[in-house]
């Protein structure tokens, strides 16, 4: 059985940047946590402890910050790593999902051969806000026949209620912010 360590002290390592990327937004910058070797280790250890008993075949990391800790987690879980990227970044044939943003739309792609039907995957990203990026990634996994064993975030902005979009999945967030 996995044991989860209290990650609340990691909040002290996260820099907040007001009015980025636009006025009124408070940006939670994890680069200050990632450069701290103890903080980075605790982040990966906490993710690994949560997922270690879930028989994960693949860890999917969403561009760009999911690329930072996704491979380390995959290594710890003895799983493969698959990048989910912005359009036209992957060299082989891809599946693509377009999704809406508050200021327009965007898209994500994954190689068509990235997931075999029935493989158990965990999808990781740095932040759960409204959930649009993760919803698009979930659609890609389902298109390829993967089984979503979990969805993980370093940070969850609880006040934006993005978790409500993933009620059928095991959602795990290390750190929570209420406002």
N, C-alpha and C. Protein backbone atom coordinates (compact mmCIF):
# COMPACT_ATOMS: atom_id res chain seq x y z
N UNK A 1 0.84 -1.18 0.00
CA UNK A 1 0.00 0.00 0.00
C UNK A 1 0.88 1.24 0.00
N UNK A 2 0.49 2.25 -0.74
CA UNK A 2 1.30 3.45 -0.85
C UNK A 2 1.07 4.39 0.33
N UNK A 3 2.13 5.11 0.69
CA UNK A 3 2.07 6.09 1.76
C UNK A 3 2.36 7.46 1.17
N UNK A 4 1.48 8.40 1.41
CA UNK A 4 1.65 9.75 0.87
C UNK A 4 2.24 10.65 1.94
N UNK A 5 3.29 11.34 1.55
CA UNK A 5 3.97 12.27 2.44
C UNK A 5 3.27 13.62 2.35
N UNK A 6 3.25 14.37 3.44
CA UNK A 6 2.68 15.71 3.44
C UNK A 6 3.54 16.62 2.57
N UNK A 7 2.96 17.13 1.50
CA UNK A 7 3.69 17.98 0.56
C UNK A 7 3.47 19.47 0.81
N UNK A 8 2.66 19.83 1.79
CA UNK A 8 2.38 21.24 2.05
C UNK A 8 3.63 22.12 2.16
N UNK A 9 4.72 21.63 2.78
CA UNK A 9 5.92 22.48 2.85
C UNK A 9 6.48 22.87 1.47
N UNK A 10 6.13 22.11 0.43
CA UNK A 10 6.60 22.45 -0.91
C UNK A 10 6.04 23.79 -1.40
N UNK A 11 4.91 24.22 -0.83
CA UNK A 11 4.33 25.50 -1.22
C UNK A 11 5.32 26.65 -1.02
N UNK A 12 6.19 26.51 -0.01
CA UNK A 12 7.18 27.55 0.25
C UNK A 12 8.19 27.68 -0.89
N UNK A 13 8.30 26.64 -1.72
CA UNK A 13 9.24 26.65 -2.83
C UNK A 13 8.62 27.11 -4.14
N UNK A 14 7.33 27.41 -4.13
CA UNK A 14 6.64 27.84 -5.35
C UNK A 14 6.52 29.36 -5.35
N UNK A 15 7.01 29.95 -6.43
CA UNK A 15 6.94 31.40 -6.59
C UNK A 15 5.58 31.76 -7.19
N UNK A 16 4.94 32.78 -6.65
CA UNK A 16 3.71 33.30 -7.27
C UNK A 16 4.06 34.59 -8.00
N UNK A 17 3.53 34.71 -9.22
CA UNK A 17 3.80 35.86 -10.06
C UNK A 17 2.46 36.51 -10.41
N UNK A 18 2.18 37.70 -9.85
CA UNK A 18 0.91 38.37 -10.16
C UNK A 18 0.87 38.87 -11.60
N UNK A 19 -0.34 38.86 -12.15
CA UNK A 19 -0.61 39.42 -13.49
C UNK A 19 0.19 38.74 -14.61
N UNK A 20 0.40 37.44 -14.48
CA UNK A 20 1.05 36.68 -15.54
C UNK A 20 0.21 35.45 -15.84
N UNK A 21 -0.08 35.15 -17.08
CA UNK A 21 0.36 35.79 -18.31
C UNK A 21 -0.47 37.01 -18.72
N UNK A 22 -1.50 37.33 -17.92
CA UNK A 22 -2.30 38.52 -18.22
C UNK A 22 -2.81 39.10 -16.91
N UNK A 23 -3.25 40.35 -16.92
CA UNK A 23 -3.73 40.99 -15.69
C UNK A 23 -4.84 40.18 -15.00
N UNK A 24 -4.72 40.10 -13.67
CA UNK A 24 -5.72 39.40 -12.87
C UNK A 24 -5.40 37.95 -12.60
N UNK A 25 -4.39 37.40 -13.27
CA UNK A 25 -4.00 36.01 -13.06
C UNK A 25 -2.84 35.95 -12.08
N UNK A 26 -2.93 35.05 -11.10
CA UNK A 26 -1.81 34.78 -10.20
C UNK A 26 -1.19 33.47 -10.65
N UNK A 27 0.03 33.54 -11.19
CA UNK A 27 0.71 32.39 -11.76
C UNK A 27 1.51 31.67 -10.69
N UNK A 28 1.33 30.35 -10.59
CA UNK A 28 2.08 29.52 -9.65
C UNK A 28 3.25 28.90 -10.41
N UNK A 29 4.43 29.43 -10.18
CA UNK A 29 5.63 29.06 -10.92
C UNK A 29 6.38 27.95 -10.18
N UNK A 30 6.38 26.75 -10.76
CA UNK A 30 7.03 25.61 -10.11
C UNK A 30 8.52 25.53 -10.41
N UNK A 31 9.05 26.42 -11.26
CA UNK A 31 10.48 26.33 -11.57
C UNK A 31 11.33 26.52 -10.32
N UNK A 32 10.85 27.29 -9.37
CA UNK A 32 11.60 27.49 -8.13
C UNK A 32 11.58 26.24 -7.26
N UNK A 33 10.52 25.45 -7.34
CA UNK A 33 10.47 24.16 -6.65
C UNK A 33 11.39 23.16 -7.35
N UNK A 34 11.34 23.14 -8.67
CA UNK A 34 12.10 22.16 -9.45
C UNK A 34 13.61 22.33 -9.29
N UNK A 35 14.07 23.56 -9.11
CA UNK A 35 15.52 23.77 -8.98
C UNK A 35 16.04 23.39 -7.59
N UNK A 36 15.14 23.18 -6.66
CA UNK A 36 15.50 22.78 -5.31
C UNK A 36 15.59 21.25 -5.28
N UNK A 37 16.78 20.71 -5.09
CA UNK A 37 16.93 19.26 -5.22
C UNK A 37 16.06 18.48 -4.24
N UNK A 38 15.93 18.96 -3.02
CA UNK A 38 15.07 18.26 -2.05
C UNK A 38 13.60 18.39 -2.44
N UNK A 39 13.20 19.55 -2.92
CA UNK A 39 11.82 19.76 -3.35
C UNK A 39 11.46 18.90 -4.55
N UNK A 40 12.36 18.86 -5.53
CA UNK A 40 12.13 18.04 -6.72
C UNK A 40 12.02 16.57 -6.33
N UNK A 41 12.92 16.12 -5.46
CA UNK A 41 12.89 14.73 -5.02
C UNK A 41 11.58 14.42 -4.29
N UNK A 42 11.12 15.33 -3.44
CA UNK A 42 9.88 15.08 -2.70
C UNK A 42 8.69 15.04 -3.65
N UNK A 43 8.69 15.89 -4.67
CA UNK A 43 7.59 15.89 -5.65
C UNK A 43 7.53 14.54 -6.36
N UNK A 44 8.66 14.07 -6.87
CA UNK A 44 8.69 12.78 -7.58
C UNK A 44 8.36 11.63 -6.63
N UNK A 45 8.93 11.67 -5.41
CA UNK A 45 8.66 10.61 -4.44
C UNK A 45 7.18 10.53 -4.09
N UNK A 46 6.53 11.68 -3.95
CA UNK A 46 5.10 11.69 -3.60
C UNK A 46 4.25 11.14 -4.74
N UNK A 47 4.55 11.54 -5.97
CA UNK A 47 3.84 10.97 -7.11
C UNK A 47 4.07 9.45 -7.18
N UNK A 48 5.32 9.04 -7.05
CA UNK A 48 5.64 7.61 -7.15
C UNK A 48 4.95 6.81 -6.06
N UNK A 49 4.93 7.34 -4.83
CA UNK A 49 4.27 6.64 -3.73
C UNK A 49 2.78 6.43 -4.02
N UNK A 50 2.16 7.41 -4.64
CA UNK A 50 0.73 7.30 -4.93
C UNK A 50 0.45 6.26 -6.03
N UNK A 51 1.29 6.24 -7.06
CA UNK A 51 1.01 5.40 -8.23
C UNK A 51 1.73 4.05 -8.25
N UNK A 52 2.61 3.80 -7.30
CA UNK A 52 3.48 2.63 -7.35
C UNK A 52 2.70 1.31 -7.41
N UNK A 53 1.56 1.23 -6.78
CA UNK A 53 0.79 -0.03 -6.74
C UNK A 53 -0.32 -0.10 -7.78
N UNK A 54 -0.32 0.80 -8.75
CA UNK A 54 -1.43 0.87 -9.70
C UNK A 54 -1.13 0.24 -11.06
N UNK A 55 -0.02 -0.50 -11.16
CA UNK A 55 0.32 -1.22 -12.39
C UNK A 55 0.26 -0.33 -13.63
N UNK A 56 1.06 0.70 -13.63
CA UNK A 56 1.11 1.69 -14.71
C UNK A 56 2.04 1.20 -15.82
N UNK A 57 1.55 1.24 -17.06
CA UNK A 57 2.38 0.90 -18.22
C UNK A 57 3.09 2.13 -18.78
N UNK A 58 2.36 3.25 -18.82
CA UNK A 58 2.89 4.48 -19.43
C UNK A 58 2.55 5.69 -18.58
N UNK A 59 3.48 6.63 -18.53
CA UNK A 59 3.22 7.95 -17.96
C UNK A 59 3.18 8.92 -19.14
N UNK A 60 2.10 9.66 -19.26
CA UNK A 60 1.97 10.68 -20.30
C UNK A 60 2.21 12.04 -19.67
N UNK A 61 3.10 12.82 -20.25
CA UNK A 61 3.37 14.17 -19.78
C UNK A 61 2.88 15.17 -20.80
N UNK A 62 2.14 16.17 -20.33
CA UNK A 62 1.59 17.19 -21.22
C UNK A 62 2.59 18.32 -21.35
N UNK A 63 2.79 18.77 -22.59
CA UNK A 63 3.71 19.88 -22.87
C UNK A 63 3.28 21.12 -22.11
N UNK A 64 4.14 21.80 -21.47
CA UNK A 64 5.57 21.55 -21.41
C UNK A 64 5.98 21.06 -20.03
N UNK A 65 5.32 21.48 -18.99
CA UNK A 65 5.80 21.13 -17.65
C UNK A 65 5.56 19.68 -17.27
N UNK A 66 4.62 19.01 -17.91
CA UNK A 66 4.47 17.58 -17.68
C UNK A 66 5.68 16.80 -18.16
N UNK A 67 6.47 17.41 -19.07
CA UNK A 67 7.71 16.79 -19.55
C UNK A 67 8.78 16.78 -18.46
N UNK A 68 8.67 17.70 -17.52
CA UNK A 68 9.73 17.86 -16.52
C UNK A 68 9.73 16.70 -15.53
N UNK A 69 8.57 16.39 -14.97
CA UNK A 69 8.55 15.32 -13.97
C UNK A 69 7.95 14.02 -14.48
N UNK A 70 7.35 14.01 -15.65
CA UNK A 70 6.81 12.78 -16.22
C UNK A 70 7.84 11.69 -16.43
N UNK A 71 8.99 11.98 -17.06
CA UNK A 71 10.00 10.93 -17.25
C UNK A 71 10.57 10.40 -15.93
N UNK A 72 10.79 11.27 -14.96
CA UNK A 72 11.30 10.80 -13.66
C UNK A 72 10.29 9.88 -12.99
N UNK A 73 9.01 10.23 -13.09
CA UNK A 73 7.97 9.38 -12.52
C UNK A 73 7.91 8.05 -13.27
N UNK A 74 7.99 8.10 -14.59
CA UNK A 74 7.97 6.86 -15.38
C UNK A 74 9.11 5.94 -14.96
N UNK A 75 10.28 6.50 -14.77
CA UNK A 75 11.43 5.72 -14.31
C UNK A 75 11.13 5.05 -12.98
N UNK A 76 10.58 5.82 -12.04
CA UNK A 76 10.29 5.29 -10.70
C UNK A 76 9.21 4.20 -10.74
N UNK A 77 8.30 4.27 -11.73
CA UNK A 77 7.22 3.29 -11.83
C UNK A 77 7.56 2.13 -12.77
N UNK A 78 8.79 2.15 -13.31
CA UNK A 78 9.19 1.15 -14.29
C UNK A 78 8.20 1.12 -15.46
N UNK A 79 7.87 2.31 -15.93
CA UNK A 79 6.91 2.49 -17.02
C UNK A 79 7.58 3.27 -18.15
N UNK A 80 6.93 3.29 -19.29
CA UNK A 80 7.40 4.12 -20.40
C UNK A 80 6.88 5.54 -20.24
N UNK A 81 7.47 6.46 -21.00
CA UNK A 81 7.03 7.86 -21.01
C UNK A 81 6.58 8.24 -22.41
N UNK A 82 5.45 8.95 -22.49
CA UNK A 82 4.92 9.42 -23.77
C UNK A 82 4.65 10.92 -23.66
N UNK A 83 5.22 11.71 -24.58
CA UNK A 83 4.92 13.14 -24.58
C UNK A 83 3.62 13.44 -25.33
N UNK A 84 2.83 14.34 -24.78
CA UNK A 84 1.65 14.88 -25.45
C UNK A 84 2.02 16.31 -25.81
N UNK A 85 2.00 16.62 -27.11
CA UNK A 85 2.61 17.85 -27.59
C UNK A 85 1.64 18.78 -28.31
N UNK A 86 2.08 20.01 -28.46
CA UNK A 86 1.38 20.99 -29.30
C UNK A 86 1.50 20.52 -30.75
N UNK A 87 0.64 20.99 -31.64
CA UNK A 87 0.65 20.52 -33.04
C UNK A 87 1.99 20.73 -33.75
N UNK A 88 2.25 19.79 -34.63
CA UNK A 88 3.40 19.83 -35.55
C UNK A 88 4.75 19.71 -34.85
N UNK A 89 4.78 19.07 -33.68
CA UNK A 89 6.03 18.87 -32.95
C UNK A 89 6.48 17.41 -32.98
N UNK A 90 5.55 16.51 -33.32
CA UNK A 90 5.86 15.08 -33.34
C UNK A 90 6.10 14.63 -34.78
N UNK A 91 7.11 13.79 -35.03
CA UNK A 91 7.51 13.47 -36.40
C UNK A 91 6.69 12.39 -37.11
N UNK A 92 6.04 11.52 -36.40
CA UNK A 92 5.29 10.42 -37.01
C UNK A 92 3.80 10.76 -37.01
N UNK A 93 2.96 9.92 -37.65
CA UNK A 93 1.52 10.19 -37.67
C UNK A 93 0.94 10.33 -36.26
N UNK A 94 0.00 11.28 -36.11
CA UNK A 94 -0.55 11.61 -34.80
C UNK A 94 -2.07 11.60 -34.78
N UNK A 95 -2.59 11.48 -33.57
CA UNK A 95 -4.00 11.78 -33.28
C UNK A 95 -3.99 13.20 -32.72
N UNK A 96 -5.05 13.95 -32.99
CA UNK A 96 -5.09 15.35 -32.59
C UNK A 96 -6.46 15.67 -32.01
N UNK A 97 -6.46 16.47 -30.94
CA UNK A 97 -7.69 16.97 -30.33
C UNK A 97 -7.55 18.48 -30.17
N UNK A 98 -8.58 19.20 -30.63
CA UNK A 98 -8.64 20.65 -30.45
C UNK A 98 -9.54 20.93 -29.26
N UNK A 99 -9.18 21.95 -28.47
CA UNK A 99 -9.97 22.30 -27.30
C UNK A 99 -10.02 23.81 -27.15
N UNK A 100 -11.04 24.27 -26.42
CA UNK A 100 -11.26 25.69 -26.23
C UNK A 100 -10.51 26.22 -25.03
N UNK A 101 -10.02 27.43 -25.18
CA UNK A 101 -9.41 28.19 -24.10
C UNK A 101 -10.29 29.41 -23.85
N UNK A 102 -10.03 30.10 -22.75
CA UNK A 102 -10.83 31.29 -22.48
C UNK A 102 -10.58 32.39 -23.51
N UNK A 103 -9.46 32.32 -24.23
CA UNK A 103 -9.11 33.36 -25.20
C UNK A 103 -8.95 32.82 -26.61
N UNK A 104 -9.46 31.61 -26.89
CA UNK A 104 -9.36 31.04 -28.23
C UNK A 104 -9.40 29.53 -28.17
N UNK A 105 -8.55 28.89 -28.97
CA UNK A 105 -8.49 27.44 -28.96
C UNK A 105 -7.04 27.00 -29.12
N UNK A 106 -6.81 25.74 -28.81
CA UNK A 106 -5.49 25.15 -28.94
C UNK A 106 -5.69 23.69 -29.31
N UNK A 107 -4.61 22.96 -29.48
CA UNK A 107 -4.70 21.54 -29.84
C UNK A 107 -3.52 20.80 -29.22
N UNK A 108 -3.72 19.50 -29.06
CA UNK A 108 -2.67 18.61 -28.58
C UNK A 108 -2.63 17.39 -29.49
N UNK A 109 -1.43 16.81 -29.58
CA UNK A 109 -1.25 15.62 -30.41
C UNK A 109 -0.45 14.56 -29.67
N UNK A 110 -0.64 13.33 -30.12
CA UNK A 110 0.11 12.18 -29.60
C UNK A 110 0.36 11.25 -30.78
N UNK A 111 1.49 10.57 -30.79
CA UNK A 111 1.74 9.61 -31.85
C UNK A 111 0.67 8.52 -31.84
N UNK A 112 0.25 8.12 -33.04
CA UNK A 112 -0.78 7.09 -33.16
C UNK A 112 -0.36 5.76 -32.53
N UNK A 113 0.94 5.50 -32.50
CA UNK A 113 1.41 4.23 -31.93
C UNK A 113 1.93 4.37 -30.49
N UNK A 114 1.60 5.47 -29.83
CA UNK A 114 2.12 5.75 -28.49
C UNK A 114 1.50 4.85 -27.42
N UNK A 115 0.25 4.47 -27.61
CA UNK A 115 -0.47 3.68 -26.61
C UNK A 115 -1.09 2.47 -27.30
N UNK A 116 -0.86 1.31 -26.74
CA UNK A 116 -1.52 0.11 -27.24
C UNK A 116 -2.84 -0.05 -26.51
N UNK A 117 -3.87 -0.56 -27.19
CA UNK A 117 -5.16 -0.75 -26.51
C UNK A 117 -5.00 -1.54 -25.22
N UNK A 118 -5.63 -1.04 -24.16
CA UNK A 118 -5.60 -1.70 -22.86
C UNK A 118 -4.45 -1.29 -21.96
N UNK A 119 -3.46 -0.57 -22.48
CA UNK A 119 -2.36 -0.15 -21.61
C UNK A 119 -2.88 0.83 -20.57
N UNK A 120 -2.36 0.66 -19.35
CA UNK A 120 -2.75 1.52 -18.23
C UNK A 120 -1.83 2.74 -18.19
N UNK A 121 -2.44 3.91 -18.24
CA UNK A 121 -1.66 5.14 -18.27
C UNK A 121 -2.04 6.06 -17.12
N UNK A 122 -1.06 6.83 -16.70
CA UNK A 122 -1.31 7.95 -15.80
C UNK A 122 -0.87 9.19 -16.58
N UNK A 123 -1.68 10.22 -16.53
CA UNK A 123 -1.39 11.48 -17.21
C UNK A 123 -0.98 12.49 -16.15
N UNK A 124 0.16 13.16 -16.36
CA UNK A 124 0.62 14.15 -15.39
C UNK A 124 0.82 15.51 -16.04
N UNK A 125 0.56 16.54 -15.22
CA UNK A 125 0.79 17.92 -15.63
C UNK A 125 1.08 18.72 -14.38
N UNK A 126 1.54 19.94 -14.57
CA UNK A 126 1.91 20.75 -13.42
C UNK A 126 0.72 21.32 -12.69
N UNK A 127 -0.37 21.65 -13.42
CA UNK A 127 -1.43 22.44 -12.81
C UNK A 127 -2.81 22.05 -13.32
N UNK A 128 -3.75 21.89 -12.41
CA UNK A 128 -5.16 21.74 -12.77
C UNK A 128 -5.86 23.04 -12.45
N UNK A 129 -6.31 23.72 -13.49
CA UNK A 129 -7.09 24.96 -13.31
C UNK A 129 -8.52 24.63 -13.76
N UNK A 130 -8.84 24.93 -15.00
CA UNK A 130 -10.19 24.64 -15.50
C UNK A 130 -10.32 23.24 -16.10
N UNK A 131 -9.19 22.61 -16.43
CA UNK A 131 -9.21 21.23 -16.90
C UNK A 131 -9.25 21.02 -18.39
N UNK A 132 -9.22 22.08 -19.18
CA UNK A 132 -9.33 21.94 -20.63
C UNK A 132 -8.21 21.14 -21.27
N UNK A 133 -6.99 21.39 -20.87
CA UNK A 133 -5.85 20.68 -21.43
C UNK A 133 -5.92 19.20 -21.08
N UNK A 134 -6.26 18.90 -19.85
CA UNK A 134 -6.36 17.50 -19.43
C UNK A 134 -7.53 16.81 -20.14
N UNK A 135 -8.65 17.50 -20.33
CA UNK A 135 -9.77 16.89 -21.05
C UNK A 135 -9.34 16.48 -22.45
N UNK A 136 -8.58 17.33 -23.12
CA UNK A 136 -8.10 17.01 -24.47
C UNK A 136 -7.19 15.78 -24.43
N UNK A 137 -6.34 15.70 -23.43
CA UNK A 137 -5.42 14.57 -23.31
C UNK A 137 -6.19 13.28 -23.02
N UNK A 138 -7.18 13.37 -22.16
CA UNK A 138 -8.03 12.20 -21.89
C UNK A 138 -8.67 11.69 -23.19
N UNK A 139 -9.15 12.61 -24.02
CA UNK A 139 -9.74 12.20 -25.31
C UNK A 139 -8.73 11.48 -26.18
N UNK A 140 -7.50 11.97 -26.20
CA UNK A 140 -6.46 11.31 -26.99
C UNK A 140 -6.21 9.89 -26.49
N UNK A 141 -6.10 9.72 -25.19
CA UNK A 141 -5.86 8.39 -24.62
C UNK A 141 -7.01 7.46 -24.98
N UNK A 142 -8.21 7.94 -24.87
CA UNK A 142 -9.38 7.10 -25.17
C UNK A 142 -9.44 6.75 -26.66
N UNK A 143 -9.07 7.70 -27.52
CA UNK A 143 -9.03 7.42 -28.97
C UNK A 143 -8.09 6.27 -29.29
N UNK A 144 -6.99 6.19 -28.56
CA UNK A 144 -5.99 5.16 -28.82
C UNK A 144 -6.24 3.87 -28.04
N UNK A 145 -7.29 3.84 -27.23
CA UNK A 145 -7.66 2.62 -26.53
C UNK A 145 -6.96 2.41 -25.20
N UNK A 146 -6.31 3.45 -24.68
CA UNK A 146 -5.65 3.32 -23.39
C UNK A 146 -6.63 3.36 -22.24
N UNK A 147 -6.23 2.78 -21.13
CA UNK A 147 -7.03 2.80 -19.90
C UNK A 147 -6.41 3.83 -18.96
N UNK A 148 -7.17 4.80 -18.55
CA UNK A 148 -6.65 5.85 -17.68
C UNK A 148 -6.70 5.37 -16.24
N UNK A 149 -5.51 5.10 -15.71
CA UNK A 149 -5.38 4.61 -14.33
C UNK A 149 -5.30 5.76 -13.34
N UNK A 150 -5.01 6.95 -13.84
CA UNK A 150 -4.92 8.10 -12.96
C UNK A 150 -4.56 9.37 -13.71
N UNK A 151 -4.89 10.47 -13.05
CA UNK A 151 -4.58 11.81 -13.56
C UNK A 151 -3.91 12.54 -12.40
N UNK A 152 -2.69 13.04 -12.63
CA UNK A 152 -1.95 13.66 -11.53
C UNK A 152 -1.49 15.07 -11.84
N UNK A 153 -1.50 15.89 -10.80
CA UNK A 153 -1.07 17.29 -10.91
C UNK A 153 -0.18 17.64 -9.73
N UNK A 154 0.80 18.49 -9.98
CA UNK A 154 1.59 19.03 -8.89
C UNK A 154 0.73 20.00 -8.07
N UNK A 155 -0.05 20.83 -8.77
CA UNK A 155 -0.86 21.87 -8.13
C UNK A 155 -2.29 21.80 -8.65
N UNK A 156 -3.24 21.99 -7.74
CA UNK A 156 -4.65 22.10 -8.14
C UNK A 156 -5.21 23.39 -7.57
N UNK A 157 -5.82 24.19 -8.44
CA UNK A 157 -6.50 25.42 -8.02
C UNK A 157 -7.95 25.04 -7.75
N UNK A 158 -8.23 24.67 -6.51
CA UNK A 158 -9.54 24.13 -6.14
C UNK A 158 -10.69 25.07 -6.48
N UNK A 159 -10.47 26.37 -6.37
CA UNK A 159 -11.52 27.35 -6.58
C UNK A 159 -12.00 27.40 -8.04
N UNK A 160 -11.24 26.85 -8.97
CA UNK A 160 -11.67 26.82 -10.37
C UNK A 160 -12.46 25.55 -10.71
N UNK A 161 -12.50 24.61 -9.79
CA UNK A 161 -13.34 23.41 -9.89
C UNK A 161 -13.08 22.55 -11.13
N UNK A 162 -11.84 22.52 -11.59
CA UNK A 162 -11.49 21.68 -12.74
C UNK A 162 -11.66 20.19 -12.47
N UNK A 163 -11.49 19.77 -11.23
CA UNK A 163 -11.62 18.36 -10.85
C UNK A 163 -13.01 17.80 -11.21
N UNK A 164 -14.02 18.64 -11.19
CA UNK A 164 -15.39 18.19 -11.47
C UNK A 164 -15.52 17.58 -12.86
N UNK A 165 -14.63 17.92 -13.76
CA UNK A 165 -14.68 17.38 -15.13
C UNK A 165 -14.15 15.95 -15.22
N UNK A 166 -13.58 15.44 -14.13
CA UNK A 166 -12.91 14.14 -14.17
C UNK A 166 -13.43 13.19 -13.10
N UNK A 167 -14.73 13.25 -12.83
CA UNK A 167 -15.30 12.47 -11.73
C UNK A 167 -15.14 10.97 -11.91
N UNK A 168 -15.02 10.50 -13.14
CA UNK A 168 -14.90 9.06 -13.37
C UNK A 168 -13.46 8.56 -13.24
N UNK A 169 -12.52 9.47 -12.95
CA UNK A 169 -11.11 9.11 -12.88
C UNK A 169 -10.55 9.34 -11.49
N UNK A 170 -9.43 8.68 -11.24
CA UNK A 170 -8.67 8.87 -10.00
C UNK A 170 -7.79 10.10 -10.19
N UNK A 171 -8.17 11.22 -9.60
CA UNK A 171 -7.42 12.47 -9.71
C UNK A 171 -6.62 12.67 -8.43
N UNK A 172 -5.32 12.91 -8.59
CA UNK A 172 -4.43 13.11 -7.46
C UNK A 172 -3.65 14.40 -7.66
N UNK A 173 -3.71 15.28 -6.68
CA UNK A 173 -2.96 16.52 -6.71
C UNK A 173 -2.13 16.63 -5.44
N UNK A 174 -0.88 17.03 -5.60
CA UNK A 174 0.02 17.14 -4.45
C UNK A 174 -0.29 18.36 -3.59
N UNK A 175 -0.56 19.48 -4.23
CA UNK A 175 -0.77 20.74 -3.52
C UNK A 175 -2.08 21.36 -3.96
N UNK A 176 -2.79 21.94 -3.00
CA UNK A 176 -4.09 22.57 -3.27
C UNK A 176 -4.06 24.04 -2.86
N UNK A 177 -4.66 24.87 -3.71
CA UNK A 177 -4.82 26.29 -3.41
C UNK A 177 -6.31 26.61 -3.49
N UNK A 178 -6.81 27.29 -2.45
CA UNK A 178 -8.24 27.60 -2.38
C UNK A 178 -8.60 28.96 -2.96
N UNK A 179 -7.62 29.82 -3.19
CA UNK A 179 -7.92 31.13 -3.76
C UNK A 179 -6.73 31.68 -4.48
